[in-house]
């Protein structure tokens, strides 16, 4: 199927809660996780404004 067997999109109140959840899932040893942080449009615009 490829690199991933499943993909989950989720939300949490903050990064710390999300990280704790991911660590708990991975601690069981049966799953590997990878997190990708999305950026809002305003965050991206701010980043792009700093480009040369």
C-alpha atoms as a PDB file:
ATOM      1  CA  UNK A   1       0.000   0.000   0.000  1.00  0.00           C
ATOM      2  CA  UNK A   2       2.893   2.348   0.578  1.00  0.00           C
ATOM      3  CA  UNK A   3       4.655   4.016   3.440  1.00  0.00           C
ATOM      4  CA  UNK A   4       1.528   4.311   5.586  1.00  0.00           C
ATOM      5  CA  UNK A   5      -1.107   1.760   6.510  1.00  0.00           C
ATOM      6  CA  UNK A   6      -3.399   4.443   7.921  1.00  0.00           C
ATOM      7  CA  UNK A   7      -3.527   8.195   8.291  1.00  0.00           C
ATOM      8  CA  UNK A   8      -5.421  10.020  11.042  1.00  0.00           C
ATOM      9  CA  UNK A   9      -6.146  13.725  11.131  1.00  0.00           C
ATOM     10  CA  UNK A  10      -6.795  14.992  14.638  1.00  0.00           C
ATOM     11  CA  UNK A  11      -6.937  18.090  16.803  1.00  0.00           C
ATOM     12  CA  UNK A  12      -6.012  18.835  20.395  1.00  0.00           C
ATOM     13  CA  UNK A  13      -6.354  21.895  22.617  1.00  0.00           C
ATOM     14  CA  UNK A  14      -2.609  22.567  22.357  1.00  0.00           C
ATOM     15  CA  UNK A  15       0.672  21.052  21.181  1.00  0.00           C
ATOM     16  CA  UNK A  16       1.497  19.619  24.620  1.00  0.00           C
ATOM     17  CA  UNK A  17      -1.731  17.611  24.830  1.00  0.00           C
ATOM     18  CA  UNK A  18      -1.248  16.356  21.291  1.00  0.00           C
ATOM     19  CA  UNK A  19       2.362  15.339  21.964  1.00  0.00           C
ATOM     20  CA  UNK A  20       1.292  13.459  25.092  1.00  0.00           C
ATOM     21  CA  UNK A  21      -1.334  11.561  23.119  1.00  0.00           C
ATOM     22  CA  UNK A  22       1.130  10.637  20.376  1.00  0.00           C
ATOM     23  CA  UNK A  23       3.709   9.521  22.951  1.00  0.00           C
ATOM     24  CA  UNK A  24       1.103   7.332  24.674  1.00  0.00           C
ATOM     25  CA  UNK A  25       0.146   5.692  21.373  1.00  0.00           C
ATOM     26  CA  UNK A  26       3.780   5.068  20.449  1.00  0.00           C
ATOM     27  CA  UNK A  27       4.691   3.786  23.915  1.00  0.00           C
ATOM     28  CA  UNK A  28       2.708   0.609  23.288  1.00  0.00           C
ATOM     29  CA  UNK A  29       5.282  -0.384  20.687  1.00  0.00           C
ATOM     30  CA  UNK A  30       2.679  -1.422  18.110  1.00  0.00           C
ATOM     31  CA  UNK A  31       2.478   1.878  16.243  1.00  0.00           C
ATOM     32  CA  UNK A  32       4.860   4.453  14.867  1.00  0.00           C
ATOM     33  CA  UNK A  33       3.685   8.013  14.587  1.00  0.00           C
ATOM     34  CA  UNK A  34       4.612  11.072  12.584  1.00  0.00           C
ATOM     35  CA  UNK A  35       3.186  14.524  13.213  1.00  0.00           C
ATOM     36  CA  UNK A  36       2.924  17.313  10.691  1.00  0.00           C
ATOM     37  CA  UNK A  37       1.920  20.720  11.975  1.00  0.00           C
ATOM     38  CA  UNK A  38      -0.436  22.706   9.745  1.00  0.00           C
ATOM     39  CA  UNK A  39      -0.115  26.473   9.478  1.00  0.00           C
ATOM     40  CA  UNK A  40      -2.904  28.994   9.155  1.00  0.00           C
ATOM     41  CA  UNK A  41      -3.008  31.312   6.173  1.00  0.00           C
ATOM     42  CA  UNK A  42      -1.871  34.221   8.337  1.00  0.00           C
ATOM     43  CA  UNK A  43       1.080  32.224   9.693  1.00  0.00           C
ATOM     44  CA  UNK A  44       2.147  31.333   6.152  1.00  0.00           C
ATOM     45  CA  UNK A  45       1.795  34.929   4.983  1.00  0.00           C
ATOM     46  CA  UNK A  46       3.987  36.040   7.878  1.00  0.00           C
ATOM     47  CA  UNK A  47       6.635  33.458   6.992  1.00  0.00           C
ATOM     48  CA  UNK A  48       6.528  34.398   3.314  1.00  0.00           C
ATOM     49  CA  UNK A  49       6.912  38.094   4.160  1.00  0.00           C
ATOM     50  CA  UNK A  50      10.304  37.289   5.664  1.00  0.00           C
ATOM     51  CA  UNK A  51      11.607  35.644   2.492  1.00  0.00           C
ATOM     52  CA  UNK A  52      14.114  37.501   0.307  1.00  0.00           C
END
